[in-house]
Amino acid sequence: MTAERVNPPTLAPPTGFSHAVVATGTRVVFLAGQTALDEAGRVVGATLPDQFRRALTNLLTALHTTGGTPADLARVTVYTTDVAAYRAHAAELGCVWRDLAGRDYPAMAVVEVVRLWDEAALVELDGFAVLP
């Protein structure tokens, strides 16, 4: 895949995301929402950063299984039960992202929700990737 990250100078500088991604490839992979579930289907991690790390790991595991890499991510949506907590942990969450996925940021959005499917889940990530 080729991905052109587009960040127009007339928009606020992006931090941890790209305003737009122009992706060219031959396969589109739609990634289901991933929470901090372990192999047994239990939510693990007591804190938002812990759950974010596991949810992102799960999302990237699904992506890797299709032959994709983090650089192939074109769009990711983050659903959280507490945007204020997400903002308070933004620096740490950014470190987690860079540690697991690097600095090729997809187009992203963060959405606050009342709750997620698993009541103990604090965050869920879904997205799509374009593979060569």
C-alpha atoms as a PDB file:
ATOM      1  CA  MET A   1       0.000   0.000   0.000  1.00  0.00           C
ATOM      2  CA  THR A   2       0.998   3.555  -0.493  1.00  0.00           C
ATOM      3  CA  ALA A   3      -0.382   5.971   2.031  1.00  0.00           C
ATOM      4  CA  GLU A   4      -0.177   9.684   1.705  1.00  0.00           C
ATOM      5  CA  ARG A   5      -0.817  11.448   5.010  1.00  0.00           C
ATOM      6  CA  VAL A   6      -2.461  14.797   4.275  1.00  0.00           C
ATOM      7  CA  ASN A   7      -2.369  17.547   6.888  1.00  0.00           C
ATOM      8  CA  PRO A   8      -3.464  20.855   5.374  1.00  0.00           C
ATOM      9  CA  PRO A   9      -1.716  23.922   6.813  1.00  0.00           C
ATOM     10  CA  THR A  10      -5.115  25.620   7.180  1.00  0.00           C
ATOM     11  CA  LEU A  11      -6.153  23.051   9.819  1.00  0.00           C
ATOM     12  CA  ALA A  12      -4.822  22.818  13.361  1.00  0.00           C
ATOM     13  CA  PRO A  13      -1.630  20.744  13.530  1.00  0.00           C
ATOM     14  CA  PRO A  14      -2.543  17.102  14.185  1.00  0.00           C
ATOM     15  CA  THR A  15      -1.197  15.399  17.280  1.00  0.00           C
ATOM     16  CA  GLY A  16      -1.223  11.615  17.108  1.00  0.00           C
ATOM     17  CA  PHE A  17      -3.398  11.395  13.979  1.00  0.00           C
ATOM     18  CA  SER A  18      -3.533  12.507  10.353  1.00  0.00           C
ATOM     19  CA  HIS A  19      -6.317  14.737   9.035  1.00  0.00           C
ATOM     20  CA  ALA A  20      -6.635  12.588   5.915  1.00  0.00           C
ATOM     21  CA  VAL A  21      -5.014   9.505   4.446  1.00  0.00           C
ATOM     22  CA  VAL A  22      -5.019   8.767   0.732  1.00  0.00           C
ATOM     23  CA  ALA A  23      -4.481   4.999   0.503  1.00  0.00           C
ATOM     24  CA  THR A  24      -3.766   3.115  -2.691  1.00  0.00           C
ATOM     25  CA  GLY A  25      -3.695  -0.656  -2.684  1.00  0.00           C
ATOM     26  CA  THR A  26      -5.546  -3.753  -3.773  1.00  0.00           C
ATOM     27  CA  ARG A  27      -7.111  -5.138  -0.584  1.00  0.00           C
ATOM     28  CA  VAL A  28      -9.222  -3.392   2.036  1.00  0.00           C
ATOM     29  CA  VAL A  29      -9.302  -4.997   5.484  1.00  0.00           C
ATOM     30  CA  PHE A  30     -12.121  -4.002   7.834  1.00  0.00           C
ATOM     31  CA  LEU A  31     -11.114  -4.513  11.457  1.00  0.00           C
ATOM     32  CA  ALA A  32     -13.788  -5.308  14.028  1.00  0.00           C
ATOM     33  CA  GLY A  33     -13.912  -3.427  17.294  1.00  0.00           C
ATOM     34  CA  GLN A  34     -11.331  -4.704  19.750  1.00  0.00           C
ATOM     35  CA  THR A  35     -11.410  -4.215  23.502  1.00  0.00           C
ATOM     36  CA  ALA A  36      -8.953  -5.421  26.140  1.00  0.00           C
ATOM     37  CA  LEU A  37     -10.088  -9.043  25.935  1.00  0.00           C
ATOM     38  CA  ASP A  38      -7.570 -11.755  26.688  1.00  0.00           C
ATOM     39  CA  GLU A  39      -7.504 -15.172  25.016  1.00  0.00           C
ATOM     40  CA  ALA A  40     -10.216 -16.434  27.398  1.00  0.00           C
ATOM     41  CA  GLY A  41     -12.550 -13.541  26.603  1.00  0.00           C
ATOM     42  CA  ARG A  42     -11.992 -11.612  29.844  1.00  0.00           C
ATOM     43  CA  VAL A  43     -11.376  -7.856  29.952  1.00  0.00           C
ATOM     44  CA  VAL A  44      -7.893  -7.294  31.371  1.00  0.00           C
ATOM     45  CA  GLY A  45      -6.300  -4.112  32.656  1.00  0.00           C
ATOM     46  CA  ALA A  46      -7.610  -1.892  35.416  1.00  0.00           C
ATOM     47  CA  THR A  47      -6.619   1.432  33.854  1.00  0.00           C
ATOM     48  CA  LEU A  48      -7.448   3.117  30.568  1.00  0.00           C
ATOM     49  CA  PRO A  49      -3.805   2.976  29.360  1.00  0.00           C
ATOM     50  CA  ASP A  50      -3.593  -0.743  30.218  1.00  0.00           C
ATOM     51  CA  GLN A  51      -6.825  -1.464  28.355  1.00  0.00           C
ATOM     52  CA  PHE A  52      -5.787   0.745  25.428  1.00  0.00           C
ATOM     53  CA  ARG A  53      -2.529  -1.219  25.083  1.00  0.00           C
ATOM     54  CA  ARG A  54      -4.383  -4.543  25.023  1.00  0.00           C
ATOM     55  CA  ALA A  55      -7.115  -3.294  22.661  1.00  0.00           C
ATOM     56  CA  LEU A  56      -4.514  -1.906  20.232  1.00  0.00           C
ATOM     57  CA  THR A  57      -2.509  -5.126  20.487  1.00  0.00           C
ATOM     58  CA  ASN A  58      -5.664  -7.076  19.629  1.00  0.00           C
ATOM     59  CA  LEU A  59      -6.430  -4.785  16.670  1.00  0.00           C
ATOM     60  CA  LEU A  60      -2.875  -5.119  15.361  1.00  0.00           C
ATOM     61  CA  THR A  61      -2.966  -8.897  15.839  1.00  0.00           C
ATOM     62  CA  ALA A  62      -6.048  -9.081  13.630  1.00  0.00           C
ATOM     63  CA  LEU A  63      -4.328  -6.814  11.088  1.00  0.00           C
ATOM     64  CA  HIS A  64      -1.074  -8.827  11.104  1.00  0.00           C
ATOM     65  CA  THR A  65      -3.075 -12.015  10.512  1.00  0.00           C
ATOM     66  CA  THR A  66      -4.267 -10.538   7.193  1.00  0.00           C
ATOM     67  CA  GLY A  67      -0.709  -9.673   6.182  1.00  0.00           C
ATOM     68  CA  GLY A  68      -1.004  -6.010   7.155  1.00  0.00           C
ATOM     69  CA  THR A  69       1.207  -3.732   9.200  1.00  0.00           C
ATOM     70  CA  PRO A  70       0.405  -0.658  11.304  1.00  0.00           C
ATOM     71  CA  ALA A  71       1.526   1.533   8.375  1.00  0.00           C
ATOM     72  CA  ASP A  72      -1.378   0.049   6.363  1.00  0.00           C
ATOM     73  CA  LEU A  73      -3.986   1.481   8.746  1.00  0.00           C
ATOM     74  CA  ALA A  74      -5.996   4.137   6.942  1.00  0.00           C
ATOM     75  CA  ARG A  75      -8.644   4.818   9.614  1.00  0.00           C
ATOM     76  CA  VAL A  76      -9.072   4.020  13.322  1.00  0.00           C
ATOM     77  CA  THR A  77     -11.955   5.002  15.557  1.00  0.00           C
ATOM     78  CA  VAL A  78     -11.468   4.984  19.322  1.00  0.00           C
ATOM     79  CA  TYR A  79     -14.579   4.567  21.455  1.00  0.00           C
ATOM     80  CA  THR A  80     -14.165   5.425  25.122  1.00  0.00           C
ATOM     81  CA  THR A  81     -16.522   5.562  28.058  1.00  0.00           C
ATOM     82  CA  ASP A  82     -14.765   8.677  29.381  1.00  0.00           C
ATOM     83  CA  VAL A  83     -13.287  11.295  27.035  1.00  0.00           C
ATOM     84  CA  ALA A  84     -12.034  13.342  30.001  1.00  0.00           C
ATOM     85  CA  ALA A  85      -9.985  10.360  31.190  1.00  0.00           C
ATOM     86  CA  TYR A  86      -8.786   9.767  27.626  1.00  0.00           C
ATOM     87  CA  ARG A  87      -7.591  13.371  27.399  1.00  0.00           C
ATOM     88  CA  ALA A  88      -5.944  13.126  30.842  1.00  0.00           C
ATOM     89  CA  HIS A  89      -3.987  10.061  29.666  1.00  0.00           C
ATOM     90  CA  ALA A  90      -3.346  11.356  26.126  1.00  0.00           C
ATOM     91  CA  ALA A  91       0.443  11.531  26.490  1.00  0.00           C
ATOM     92  CA  GLU A  92       0.641   7.977  27.833  1.00  0.00           C
ATOM     93  CA  LEU A  93      -1.781   6.682  25.180  1.00  0.00           C
ATOM     94  CA  GLY A  94       0.368   8.358  22.533  1.00  0.00           C
ATOM     95  CA  CYS A  95       3.414   6.523  23.861  1.00  0.00           C
ATOM     96  CA  VAL A  96       1.510   3.234  23.704  1.00  0.00           C
ATOM     97  CA  TRP A  97       0.494   3.961  20.101  1.00  0.00           C
ATOM     98  CA  ARG A  98       4.053   4.833  19.033  1.00  0.00           C
ATOM     99  CA  ASP A  99       5.435   1.777  20.856  1.00  0.00           C
ATOM    100  CA  LEU A 100       3.042  -0.625  19.103  1.00  0.00           C
ATOM    101  CA  ALA A 101       2.157   1.078  15.815  1.00  0.00           C
ATOM    102  CA  GLY A 102       4.869   3.638  15.094  1.00  0.00           C
ATOM    103  CA  ARG A 103       4.417   7.166  13.793  1.00  0.00           C
ATOM    104  CA  ASP A 104       2.477   6.518  10.576  1.00  0.00           C
ATOM    105  CA  TYR A 105      -0.775   7.829  11.998  1.00  0.00           C
ATOM    106  CA  PRO A 106      -4.083   6.949  10.342  1.00  0.00           C
ATOM    107  CA  ALA A 107      -7.057   9.257  10.158  1.00  0.00           C
ATOM    108  CA  MET A 108      -8.605   8.942  13.623  1.00  0.00           C
ATOM    109  CA  ALA A 109     -11.549   9.943  15.748  1.00  0.00           C
ATOM    110  CA  VAL A 110     -12.279   9.553  19.452  1.00  0.00           C
ATOM    111  CA  VAL A 111     -15.925   9.074  20.393  1.00  0.00           C
ATOM    112  CA  GLU A 112     -17.401   8.945  23.892  1.00  0.00           C
ATOM    113  CA  VAL A 113     -20.013   6.238  24.408  1.00  0.00           C
ATOM    114  CA  VAL A 114     -22.267   5.405  27.340  1.00  0.00           C
ATOM    115  CA  ARG A 115     -20.846   1.895  27.565  1.00  0.00           C
ATOM    116  CA  LEU A 116     -19.260  -0.812  25.483  1.00  0.00           C
ATOM    117  CA  TRP A 117     -20.408  -4.388  24.863  1.00  0.00           C
ATOM    118  CA  ASP A 118     -18.293  -5.658  27.765  1.00  0.00           C
ATOM    119  CA  GLU A 119     -19.279  -3.585  30.785  1.00  0.00           C
ATOM    120  CA  ALA A 120     -15.732  -3.630  32.177  1.00  0.00           C
ATOM    121  CA  ALA A 121     -14.266  -2.281  28.920  1.00  0.00           C
ATOM    122  CA  LEU A 122     -13.119   1.345  28.988  1.00  0.00           C
ATOM    123  CA  VAL A 123     -11.999   1.589  25.351  1.00  0.00           C
ATOM    124  CA  GLU A 124     -12.586  -0.082  21.983  1.00  0.00           C
ATOM    125  CA  LEU A 125     -10.772   0.412  18.681  1.00  0.00           C
ATOM    126  CA  ASP A 126     -11.893  -0.440  15.162  1.00  0.00           C
ATOM    127  CA  GLY A 127     -10.698   0.591  11.762  1.00  0.00           C
ATOM    128  CA  PHE A 128      -9.716  -0.366   8.273  1.00  0.00           C
ATOM    129  CA  ALA A 129      -6.479  -0.868   6.430  1.00  0.00           C
ATOM    130  CA  VAL A 130      -5.500  -0.878   2.764  1.00  0.00           C
ATOM    131  CA  LEU A 131      -2.978  -3.559   1.816  1.00  0.00           C
ATOM    132  CA  PRO A 132      -0.866  -3.789  -1.355  1.00  0.00           C
END
